[in-house]
Protein backbone atom coordinates (compact mmCIF):
# COMPACT_ATOMS: atom_id res chain seq x y z
CA MET A 1 96.77 7.48 52.00
CA ARG A 2 96.72 11.07 53.12
CA THR A 3 94.51 14.10 52.50
CA THR A 4 93.70 16.90 49.99
CA GLY A 5 94.56 18.12 46.56
CA ILE A 6 93.99 17.02 42.96
CA LEU A 7 94.60 17.27 39.30
CA LEU A 8 91.89 16.66 36.79
CA ALA A 9 89.48 17.91 34.30
CA PHE A 10 86.33 16.85 32.49
CA SER A 11 82.76 17.26 31.27
CA SER A 12 80.09 15.45 29.31
CA LEU A 13 81.36 16.45 25.88
CA THR A 14 84.55 15.47 24.11
CA ILE A 15 85.91 19.02 24.18
CA ILE A 16 89.64 19.72 24.36
CA PHE A 17 90.84 22.70 26.42
CA ASP A 18 94.36 24.07 26.07
CA THR A 19 95.81 24.62 29.57
CA THR A 20 99.39 25.33 28.61
CA ILE A 21 99.48 28.93 29.90
CA GLN A 22 102.35 28.80 32.35
CA GLY A 23 102.00 30.17 35.87
CA GLU A 24 98.22 29.87 36.08
CA ALA A 25 96.32 27.22 38.01
CA ILE A 26 94.09 25.01 35.88
CA ASP A 27 90.41 24.68 36.78
CA ALA A 28 89.00 21.21 36.16
CA LYS A 29 85.76 19.39 36.83
CA VAL A 30 85.04 15.73 37.53
CA ASP A 31 82.06 14.43 35.54
CA LYS A 32 79.37 12.16 36.99
CA VAL A 33 78.89 8.92 35.06
CA SER A 34 76.74 5.84 35.60
CA GLU A 35 79.63 3.42 35.20
CA GLY A 36 83.38 3.75 35.59
CA PRO A 37 86.05 2.24 33.32
CA LYS A 38 87.39 -1.27 33.08
CA LEU A 39 90.87 -0.74 34.51
CA ASP A 40 93.17 -1.91 31.70
CA GLY A 41 95.22 1.16 30.79
CA LYS A 42 93.18 1.89 27.65
CA ALA A 43 91.04 4.89 26.74
CA ASP A 44 88.23 2.99 25.00
CA ASP A 45 85.62 2.99 27.78
CA ALA A 46 82.32 4.81 27.28
CA CYS A 47 82.98 7.06 30.28
CA TRP A 48 86.18 8.41 28.71
CA LYS A 49 84.48 9.14 25.41
CA SER A 50 82.00 11.42 27.18
CA ALA A 51 84.59 13.11 29.42
CA THR A 52 86.26 16.44 28.68
CA GLU A 53 89.94 16.15 27.79
CA TYR A 54 92.41 18.75 29.01
CA LYS A 55 95.70 19.34 27.22
CA LEU A 56 98.67 19.99 29.51
CA GLU A 57 102.37 20.69 29.37
CA LEU A 58 104.57 19.02 31.96
CA LEU A 59 107.57 21.27 32.51
CA GLY A 60 111.09 20.02 33.21
CA VAL A 61 112.43 20.08 36.78
CA GLY A 62 116.04 19.68 37.91
CA ASP A 63 118.31 18.64 35.04
CA LEU A 64 115.35 18.87 32.63
CA ILE A 65 114.61 22.55 33.34
CA ASP A 66 114.50 23.61 29.64
CA ARG A 67 112.36 20.72 28.43
CA LYS A 68 108.67 19.82 28.46
CA VAL A 69 106.32 17.02 27.41
CA LYS A 70 102.69 17.05 26.33
CA ALA A 71 100.06 15.33 28.46
CA THR A 72 96.28 15.00 28.73
CA MET A 73 93.88 14.21 31.56
CA ARG A 74 90.24 13.30 32.15
CA ALA A 75 88.32 12.47 35.35
CA VAL A 76 84.93 10.96 36.20
CA GLN A 77 83.16 9.63 39.28
CA ASP A 78 80.37 7.06 39.52
CA GLY A 79 79.12 7.82 43.03
CA LYS A 80 81.49 5.33 44.68
CA SER A 81 84.91 5.91 43.12
CA VAL A 82 86.82 8.59 41.25
CA HIS A 83 88.58 7.54 38.04
CA PHE A 84 91.37 9.31 36.16
CA LEU A 85 92.77 8.90 32.66
CA PHE A 86 96.17 10.42 31.88
CA THR A 87 98.41 10.27 28.83
CA TRP A 88 101.92 11.68 28.42
CA GLU A 89 104.65 11.61 25.80
CA ASP A 90 107.49 9.13 26.18
CA PRO A 91 109.48 7.90 23.15
CA GLU A 92 110.01 4.42 24.57
CA ALA A 93 108.73 2.22 27.37
CA ASN A 94 111.22 1.57 30.18
CA THR A 95 109.81 -1.35 32.15
CA LYS A 96 112.78 -2.46 34.26
CA HIS A 97 114.26 -0.83 37.35
CA LYS A 98 117.78 -1.13 38.76
CA SER A 99 118.13 -4.73 37.64
CA TYR A 100 121.00 -7.09 38.36
CA GLU A 101 123.00 -7.88 35.19
CA TRP A 102 125.59 -10.62 34.86
CA SER A 103 129.09 -9.34 34.01
CA GLU A 104 131.27 -11.84 32.17
CA ASP A 105 134.35 -9.78 32.98
CA LYS A 106 133.70 -9.71 36.72
CA ASN A 107 131.84 -13.03 37.06
CA PHE A 108 129.37 -11.13 39.19
CA TYR A 109 125.83 -9.68 39.08
CA GLN A 110 126.01 -5.88 39.21
CA GLU A 111 123.26 -3.31 39.48
CA ILE A 112 122.58 -1.41 36.28
CA ASN A 113 120.89 1.94 35.81
CA ASP A 114 117.85 0.75 33.84
CA LEU A 115 115.37 3.12 35.50
CA GLU A 116 111.64 2.56 34.99
CA ASP A 117 109.18 5.12 33.65
CA GLN A 118 106.99 6.57 36.42
CA PHE A 119 103.94 8.77 36.85
CA SER A 120 102.62 10.37 40.02
CA VAL A 121 99.62 12.38 41.16
CA ALA A 122 99.98 14.64 44.20
CA PHE A 123 97.17 16.16 46.25
CA GLU A 124 97.40 19.00 48.73
CA LEU A 125 96.92 17.92 52.34
CA GLN A 126 98.34 20.63 54.58
CA GLY A 127 100.38 23.75 53.89
CA ALA A 128 101.03 25.69 50.67
CA PHE A 129 100.79 23.51 47.55
CA THR A 130 103.04 24.51 44.64
CA ALA A 131 103.24 21.32 42.53
CA ASN A 132 107.04 21.54 42.58
CA MET A 133 108.87 19.77 45.38
CA LEU A 134 111.90 22.06 44.95
CA THR A 135 109.96 25.28 45.63
CA PRO A 136 111.52 27.19 48.57
CA LEU A 137 109.59 26.69 51.81
CA ARG A 138 108.23 29.88 53.39
CA THR A 139 106.88 28.39 56.60
CA GLN A 140 108.36 26.72 59.67
CA SER A 141 105.58 24.10 59.61
CA PRO A 142 105.99 20.98 57.44
CA ILE A 143 103.98 20.67 54.23
CA TYR A 144 102.08 17.43 53.50
CA TRP A 145 101.03 15.89 50.17
CA ASP A 146 98.99 12.78 49.41
CA VAL A 147 100.71 10.97 46.52
CA TRP A 148 99.78 8.13 44.17
CA GLN A 149 102.81 6.80 42.28
CA TRP A 150 102.89 4.28 39.45
CA GLY A 151 106.03 2.62 38.09
CA ALA A 152 106.32 0.56 34.90
CA ALA A 153 108.42 -2.09 36.68
CA ARG A 154 107.50 -2.00 40.36
CA THR A 155 103.75 -1.31 40.40
CA ASN A 156 102.13 -2.22 37.08
CA ASN A 157 100.11 -5.05 38.64
CA GLY A 158 96.80 -3.26 39.07
CA TYR A 159 97.83 -0.90 41.89
CA ALA A 160 99.76 2.31 42.49
CA LEU A 161 102.07 3.00 45.41
CA ASP A 162 100.05 4.96 47.97
CA LEU A 163 102.20 7.27 50.06
CA TRP A 164 102.54 10.79 51.39
CA HIS A 165 105.25 13.40 51.10
CA ILE A 166 106.47 15.74 53.82
CA TYR A 167 108.61 18.84 53.14
CA SER A 168 110.33 20.70 55.96
CA GLN A 169 113.07 23.27 56.63
CA LYS A 170 114.36 21.04 59.43
CA ALA A 171 115.02 17.36 59.95
CA LEU A 172 111.82 15.52 60.84
CA SER A 173 111.04 13.19 63.72
CA PRO A 174 113.11 9.98 63.73
CA LYS A 175 109.77 8.14 63.67
CA ILE A 176 109.28 9.23 60.05
CA GLU A 177 110.96 6.89 57.58
CA LYS A 178 112.66 7.61 54.24
CA GLN A 179 114.02 11.09 55.02
CA SER A 180 116.53 12.79 52.73
CA LYS A 181 118.12 16.21 52.20
CA HIS A 182 117.75 18.20 48.98
CA ARG A 183 118.40 21.72 47.75
CA ASP A 184 115.53 23.90 46.63
CA ARG A 185 115.63 26.21 43.61
CA GLN A 186 117.43 28.84 45.71
CA GLY A 187 120.06 26.39 46.91
CA LYS A 188 118.71 26.09 50.45
CA ILE A 189 118.43 22.74 52.24
CA ILE A 190 114.99 21.18 52.54
CA TRP A 191 114.13 17.86 54.14
CA MET A 192 111.83 15.41 52.40
CA ALA A 193 110.20 12.22 53.60
CA ARG A 194 108.12 9.76 51.55
CA PRO A 195 106.53 7.22 53.91
CA ASN A 196 104.17 4.57 52.51
CA ASP A 197 100.59 4.18 53.68
CA GLU A 198 100.01 1.48 56.25
CA GLY A 199 99.76 -2.10 55.06
CA THR A 200 101.70 -4.37 52.72
CA PRO A 201 103.16 -2.21 49.89
CA VAL A 202 102.63 -2.94 46.22
CA TYR A 203 106.20 -4.14 45.64
CA SER A 204 109.17 -5.59 47.50
CA GLU A 205 112.90 -5.74 46.83
CA VAL A 206 114.50 -9.07 45.96
CA SER A 207 117.77 -9.11 47.83
CA MET A 208 120.74 -10.88 46.27
CA SER A 209 123.50 -11.96 48.64
CA SER A 210 127.18 -11.67 47.72
CA THR A 211 127.23 -15.45 47.28
CA ASP A 212 124.22 -15.43 44.93
CA ARG A 213 125.77 -12.63 42.92
CA LYS A 214 128.61 -14.97 41.99
CA LYS A 215 126.29 -17.70 40.68
CA LYS A 216 125.55 -17.19 37.00
CA GLY A 217 121.93 -17.62 36.00
CA GLU A 218 119.74 -15.44 33.79
CA PRO A 219 121.55 -12.57 32.03
CA VAL A 220 119.33 -10.04 33.85
CA VAL A 221 117.58 -10.57 37.19
CA ALA A 222 114.78 -8.31 38.43
CA ARG A 223 115.57 -6.47 41.64
CA PHE A 224 111.92 -5.79 42.52
CA GLN A 225 108.77 -7.89 42.44
CA THR A 226 105.16 -6.82 42.61
CA THR A 227 103.03 -7.97 45.53
CA LYS A 228 99.35 -7.69 46.39
CA PRO A 229 99.03 -4.73 48.77
CA THR A 230 96.87 -4.74 51.88
CA GLY A 231 95.32 -2.11 54.15
CA SER A 232 95.51 1.55 53.18
CA ALA A 233 98.35 0.68 50.79
CA ALA A 234 95.77 -1.07 48.56
CA ASP A 235 93.49 1.97 48.10
CA VAL A 236 94.70 3.15 44.69
CA LEU A 237 94.16 1.01 41.58
CA ALA A 238 96.15 1.67 38.40
CA MET A 239 96.97 0.14 35.04
CA ALA A 240 99.00 1.56 32.16
CA THR A 241 99.90 0.71 28.57
CA TRP A 242 102.45 2.18 26.15
CA ALA A 243 101.95 2.62 22.41
CA ASP A 244 102.92 5.06 19.65
CA GLY A 245 105.26 7.13 21.80
CA LYS A 246 103.04 7.71 24.79
CA TRP A 247 101.83 6.14 28.02
CA THR A 248 98.14 5.84 28.91
CA ILE A 249 97.24 5.23 32.55
CA GLU A 250 93.95 4.75 34.41
CA MET A 251 93.85 5.34 38.18
CA SER A 252 90.91 4.76 40.52
CA ARG A 253 90.19 5.14 44.22
CA ASP A 254 87.09 5.23 46.42
CA LEU A 255 85.82 8.78 46.93
CA THR A 256 86.32 8.37 50.67
CA THR A 257 88.51 5.97 52.67
CA LYS A 258 88.78 4.79 56.25
CA ASP A 259 92.08 6.65 56.59
CA ALA A 260 90.46 10.05 57.11
CA VAL A 261 91.70 11.39 60.48
CA TRP A 262 94.88 13.32 61.25
CA PRO A 263 97.00 11.98 64.13
CA ARG A 264 96.82 14.03 67.33
CA SER A 265 100.24 15.66 67.22
CA ARG A 266 101.59 19.18 66.76
CA ILE A 267 103.70 17.91 63.87
CA PRO A 268 101.97 14.72 62.63
CA SER A 269 104.18 11.79 61.67
CA GLY A 270 101.32 10.47 59.55
CA ALA A 271 98.59 11.94 57.36
CA PRO A 272 95.13 10.86 56.17
CA ASP A 273 93.97 10.19 52.63
CA VAL A 274 92.40 12.98 50.67
CA GLN A 275 88.61 12.61 50.98
CA PHE A 276 86.66 13.59 47.85
CA GLU A 277 83.37 15.24 48.82
CA ALA A 278 80.64 16.54 46.50
CA GLY A 279 80.75 20.30 46.09
CA GLU A 280 84.40 20.51 47.20
CA SER A 281 87.49 21.43 45.19
CA PHE A 282 91.04 20.19 45.62
CA LYS A 283 94.51 21.16 44.44
CA MET A 284 96.61 18.60 42.66
CA ALA A 285 99.54 18.20 40.25
CA LEU A 286 101.08 15.59 37.96
CA ALA A 287 104.62 14.42 37.36
CA SER A 288 106.21 12.06 34.84
CA PHE A 289 109.61 10.37 34.99
CA ASN A 290 111.12 9.28 31.67
CA HIS A 291 113.84 6.80 32.62
CA THR A 292 114.72 9.12 35.53
CA GLU A 293 114.06 9.44 39.24
CA GLY A 294 114.39 11.95 42.08
CA ASN A 295 114.61 15.63 41.16
CA SER A 296 114.82 15.10 37.38
CA HIS A 297 111.25 14.85 36.11
CA TYR A 298 108.42 16.76 34.46
CA ALA A 299 105.67 18.47 36.46
CA SER A 300 102.35 20.17 35.71
CA GLU A 301 101.04 23.46 37.01
CA VAL A 302 98.68 23.34 40.00
CA ILE A 303 95.23 21.99 39.05
CA ARG A 304 92.05 22.89 40.93
CA LEU A 305 89.71 19.91 40.73
CA SER A 306 86.00 20.33 41.48
CA PHE A 307 83.48 17.61 42.29
């Protein structure tokens, strides 16, 4: 992935800290443990029982501006990898994404808006880090984030999508994929790009030709399928479960990766992974998507994570 920023909190006692004061960055610490968790999306591992839990509020962005959801986080490291445990409120599990549904009236498979639930963790790499992708840009230089993104339909196979975000006042190099225009909170245009890390990504799209769309089969056909990622795209492990109105997710990654060097360019078209070093602190933020995508989501305040 790409480099620098984080969002966690923890200690050796099961103490709960309230971090819901808006506008203030949250200070968090990663605890050292002898053994990390079994990655199954459950909070029953010994390391989580000894880790400090932080209570958070994820505030609405875009169409959700007046809403918020409660969340928690914990973080530990075992000398090789860093492990995170997050929970957040969600009244129901949405585990399908933009499926094809057979229409009896049209005798045709059509795409439906059954959006998956998602959760992402963003780390500061380069430039001012605000934890809100719609914050007005105050610099001519692009801003880079390292992002881990999990989706209940597309990535719940033991991995998270490993990618990086770029934010700019101007259109980016044509070499950078997945560019789009948005309006910030002041109505000004900002350009965003969300390229994946190198390697085989964690999911692929199942294309359905116009001919296949006319052949009736299952009532609903999945549009995406999970795959086993390779290369830098396989760095981030993740598993999640839903129960009693909330999601629980575990995410893990090696403290350092091979993808650690910035490309030699005035405006890089790529970025390294964040490298977690002892004694260092990083900025990070969280976001949850409840049956939504794009600008409509919930986001945390900036979190300062210390190792």
